[in-house]
Amino acid sequence: MAVLEVKDLHVEVEDEEQQTRKEILKGVNLTMKTGEIHAHHGT
């Protein structure tokens, strides 16, 4: 069985116009096995 595993994922985006950065993912962990479907949504 294949597995995709992500540990402690952090993602930051940059607003070049305002010259600011914002962390949008903070330490996300995810494990997916064959046949699983995951969706993530935020505001």
PDB file of N, CA and C in Angstrom:
ATOM      1  N   MET A   1       0.853  -1.185   0.000  1.00  0.00           N
ATOM      2  CA  MET A   1       0.000   0.000   0.000  1.00  0.00           C
ATOM      3  C   MET A   1       0.894   1.242   0.000  1.00  0.00           C
ATOM      4  N   ALA A   2       0.666   2.164  -0.908  1.00  0.00           N
ATOM      5  CA  ALA A   2       1.432   3.402  -0.985  1.00  0.00           C
ATOM      6  C   ALA A   2       0.913   4.408   0.042  1.00  0.00           C
ATOM      7  N   VAL A   3       1.822   5.228   0.546  1.00  0.00           N
ATOM      8  CA  VAL A   3       1.462   6.236   1.541  1.00  0.00           C
ATOM      9  C   VAL A   3       2.137   7.557   1.178  1.00  0.00           C
ATOM     10  N   LEU A   4       1.384   8.638   1.304  1.00  0.00           N
ATOM     11  CA  LEU A   4       1.937   9.978   1.179  1.00  0.00           C
ATOM     12  C   LEU A   4       1.870  10.589   2.568  1.00  0.00           C
ATOM     13  N   GLU A   5       3.013  11.043   3.075  1.00  0.00           N
ATOM     14  CA  GLU A   5       3.045  11.602   4.416  1.00  0.00           C
ATOM     15  C   GLU A   5       3.734  12.967   4.386  1.00  0.00           C
ATOM     16  N   VAL A   6       3.062  13.951   4.986  1.00  0.00           N
ATOM     17  CA  VAL A   6       3.606  15.301   5.102  1.00  0.00           C
ATOM     18  C   VAL A   6       3.654  15.618   6.591  1.00  0.00           C
ATOM     19  N   LYS A   7       4.808  16.102   7.062  1.00  0.00           N
ATOM     20  CA  LYS A   7       4.949  16.423   8.485  1.00  0.00           C
ATOM     21  C   LYS A   7       5.401  17.867   8.655  1.00  0.00           C
ATOM     22  N   ASP A   8       4.721  18.578   9.550  1.00  0.00           N
ATOM     23  CA  ASP A   8       5.104  19.924   9.969  1.00  0.00           C
ATOM     24  C   ASP A   8       5.247  20.888   8.787  1.00  0.00           C
ATOM     25  N   LEU A   9       4.254  20.908   7.903  1.00  0.00           N
ATOM     26  CA  LEU A   9       4.277  21.775   6.721  1.00  0.00           C
ATOM     27  C   LEU A   9       3.936  23.211   7.106  1.00  0.00           C
ATOM     28  N   HIS A  10       4.789  24.133   6.688  1.00  0.00           N
ATOM     29  CA  HIS A  10       4.559  25.564   6.879  1.00  0.00           C
ATOM     30  C   HIS A  10       4.590  26.221   5.498  1.00  0.00           C
ATOM     31  N   VAL A  11       3.616  27.109   5.244  1.00  0.00           N
ATOM     32  CA  VAL A  11       3.574  27.829   3.963  1.00  0.00           C
ATOM     33  C   VAL A  11       3.356  29.304   4.266  1.00  0.00           C
ATOM     34  N   GLU A  12       4.117  30.131   3.568  1.00  0.00           N
ATOM     35  CA  GLU A  12       4.040  31.568   3.729  1.00  0.00           C
ATOM     36  C   GLU A  12       3.804  32.200   2.362  1.00  0.00           C
ATOM     37  N   VAL A  13       2.951  33.230   2.316  1.00  0.00           N
ATOM     38  CA  VAL A  13       2.722  33.960   1.067  1.00  0.00           C
ATOM     39  C   VAL A  13       3.190  35.397   1.254  1.00  0.00           C
ATOM     40  N   GLU A  14       3.568  35.998   0.141  1.00  0.00           N
ATOM     41  CA  GLU A  14       4.088  37.362   0.184  1.00  0.00           C
ATOM     42  C   GLU A  14       3.209  38.286  -0.639  1.00  0.00           C
ATOM     43  N   ASP A  15       2.866  39.427  -0.069  1.00  0.00           N
ATOM     44  CA  ASP A  15       2.158  40.484  -0.789  1.00  0.00           C
ATOM     45  C   ASP A  15       3.229  41.478  -1.235  1.00  0.00           C
ATOM     46  N   GLU A  16       3.606  41.397  -2.507  1.00  0.00           N
ATOM     47  CA  GLU A  16       4.691  42.238  -3.009  1.00  0.00           C
ATOM     48  C   GLU A  16       4.335  43.721  -2.976  1.00  0.00           C
ATOM     49  N   GLU A  17       3.056  44.022  -3.182  1.00  0.00           N
ATOM     50  CA  GLU A  17       2.622  45.417  -3.205  1.00  0.00           C
ATOM     51  C   GLU A  17       2.789  46.068  -1.831  1.00  0.00           C
ATOM     52  N   GLN A  18       2.367  45.353  -0.789  1.00  0.00           N
ATOM     53  CA  GLN A  18       2.457  45.892   0.569  1.00  0.00           C
ATOM     54  C   GLN A  18       3.747  45.477   1.268  1.00  0.00           C
ATOM     55  N   GLN A  19       4.525  44.640   0.615  1.00  0.00           N
ATOM     56  CA  GLN A  19       5.786  44.124   1.147  1.00  0.00           C
ATOM     57  C   GLN A  19       5.592  43.474   2.517  1.00  0.00           C
ATOM     58  N   THR A  20       4.586  42.595   2.584  1.00  0.00           N
ATOM     59  CA  THR A  20       4.311  41.853   3.817  1.00  0.00           C
ATOM     60  C   THR A  20       4.274  40.371   3.515  1.00  0.00           C
ATOM     61  N   ARG A  21       4.462  39.553   4.542  1.00  0.00           N
ATOM     62  CA  ARG A  21       4.390  38.100   4.424  1.00  0.00           C
ATOM     63  C   ARG A  21       3.394  37.581   5.460  1.00  0.00           C
ATOM     64  N   LYS A  22       2.699  36.496   5.105  1.00  0.00           N
ATOM     65  CA  LYS A  22       1.715  35.921   6.023  1.00  0.00           C
ATOM     66  C   LYS A  22       1.829  34.408   5.983  1.00  0.00           C
ATOM     67  N   GLU A  23       1.930  33.780   7.152  1.00  0.00           N
ATOM     68  CA  GLU A  23       1.968  32.326   7.225  1.00  0.00           C
ATOM     69  C   GLU A  23       0.531  31.815   7.113  1.00  0.00           C
ATOM     70  N   ILE A  24       0.272  30.945   6.122  1.00  0.00           N
ATOM     71  CA  ILE A  24      -1.089  30.466   5.898  1.00  0.00           C
ATOM     72  C   ILE A  24      -1.283  29.012   6.321  1.00  0.00           C
ATOM     73  N   LEU A  25      -0.196  28.265   6.455  1.00  0.00           N
ATOM     74  CA  LEU A  25      -0.244  26.917   7.019  1.00  0.00           C
ATOM     75  C   LEU A  25       0.790  26.854   8.124  1.00  0.00           C
ATOM     76  N   LYS A  26       0.385  26.338   9.286  1.00  0.00           N
ATOM     77  CA  LYS A  26       1.262  26.348  10.457  1.00  0.00           C
ATOM     78  C   LYS A  26       1.370  24.942  11.039  1.00  0.00           C
ATOM     79  N   GLY A  27       2.367  24.189  10.593  1.00  0.00           N
ATOM     80  CA  GLY A  27       2.638  22.881  11.167  1.00  0.00           C
ATOM     81  C   GLY A  27       1.612  21.812  10.822  1.00  0.00           C
ATOM     82  N   VAL A  28       1.163  21.767   9.586  1.00  0.00           N
ATOM     83  CA  VAL A  28       0.155  20.782   9.154  1.00  0.00           C
ATOM     84  C   VAL A  28       0.807  19.409   8.973  1.00  0.00           C
ATOM     85  N   ASN A  29       0.158  18.385   9.509  1.00  0.00           N
ATOM     86  CA  ASN A  29       0.557  16.994   9.311  1.00  0.00           C
ATOM     87  C   ASN A  29      -0.548  16.281   8.550  1.00  0.00           C
ATOM     88  N   LEU A  30      -0.170  15.421   7.601  1.00  0.00           N
ATOM     89  CA  LEU A  30      -1.153  14.702   6.789  1.00  0.00           C
ATOM     90  C   LEU A  30      -0.581  13.363   6.367  1.00  0.00           C
ATOM     91  N   THR A  31      -1.360  12.311   6.539  1.00  0.00           N
ATOM     92  CA  THR A  31      -0.993  10.985   6.043  1.00  0.00           C
ATOM     93  C   THR A  31      -2.151  10.472   5.194  1.00  0.00           C
ATOM     94  N   MET A  32      -1.847  10.106   3.949  1.00  0.00           N
ATOM     95  CA  MET A  32      -2.860   9.579   3.035  1.00  0.00           C
ATOM     96  C   MET A  32      -2.431   8.204   2.551  1.00  0.00           C
ATOM     97  N   LYS A  33      -3.371   7.297   2.543  1.00  0.00           N
ATOM     98  CA  LYS A  33      -3.128   5.951   2.025  1.00  0.00           C
ATOM     99  C   LYS A  33      -3.792   5.805   0.664  1.00  0.00           C
ATOM    100  N   THR A  34      -3.407   4.811  -0.071  1.00  0.00           N
ATOM    101  CA  THR A  34      -3.967   4.560  -1.391  1.00  0.00           C
ATOM    102  C   THR A  34      -5.495   4.546  -1.338  1.00  0.00           C
ATOM    103  N   GLY A  35      -6.129   5.299  -2.249  1.00  0.00           N
ATOM    104  CA  GLY A  35      -7.586   5.323  -2.343  1.00  0.00           C
ATOM    105  C   GLY A  35      -8.248   6.407  -1.514  1.00  0.00           C
ATOM    106  N   GLU A  36      -7.501   7.067  -0.632  1.00  0.00           N
ATOM    107  CA  GLU A  36      -8.088   8.126   0.186  1.00  0.00           C
ATOM    108  C   GLU A  36      -8.092   9.441  -0.584  1.00  0.00           C
ATOM    109  N   ILE A  37      -9.099  10.267  -0.299  1.00  0.00           N
ATOM    110  CA  ILE A  37      -9.204  11.579  -0.908  1.00  0.00           C
ATOM    111  C   ILE A  37      -9.341  12.596   0.229  1.00  0.00           C
ATOM    112  N   HIS A  38      -8.550  13.669   0.174  1.00  0.00           N
ATOM    113  CA  HIS A  38      -8.597  14.703   1.199  1.00  0.00           C
ATOM    114  C   HIS A  38      -8.722  16.061   0.527  1.00  0.00           C
ATOM    115  N   ALA A  39      -9.480  16.926   1.147  1.00  0.00           N
ATOM    116  CA  ALA A  39      -9.587  18.309   0.679  1.00  0.00           C
ATOM    117  C   ALA A  39      -9.469  19.222   1.892  1.00  0.00           C
ATOM    118  N   HIS A  40      -8.739  20.315   1.723  1.00  0.00           N
ATOM    119  CA  HIS A  40      -8.568  21.279   2.809  1.00  0.00           C
ATOM    120  C   HIS A  40      -9.021  22.634   2.302  1.00  0.00           C
ATOM    121  N   HIS A  41      -9.766  23.320   3.159  1.00  0.00           N
ATOM    122  CA  HIS A  41     -10.303  24.613   2.770  1.00  0.00           C
ATOM    123  C   HIS A  41     -10.190  25.567   3.959  1.00  0.00           C
ATOM    124  N   GLY A  42      -9.821  26.772   3.689  1.00  0.00           N
ATOM    125  CA  GLY A  42      -9.733  27.761   4.766  1.00  0.00           C
ATOM    126  C   GLY A  42     -10.168  29.116   4.264  1.00  0.00           C
ATOM    127  N   THR A  43     -10.336  30.009   5.216  1.00  0.00           N
ATOM    128  CA  THR A  43     -10.737  31.369   4.852  1.00  0.00           C
ATOM    129  C   THR A  43      -9.684  32.353   5.262  1.00  0.00           C
TER     130      THR A  43
END
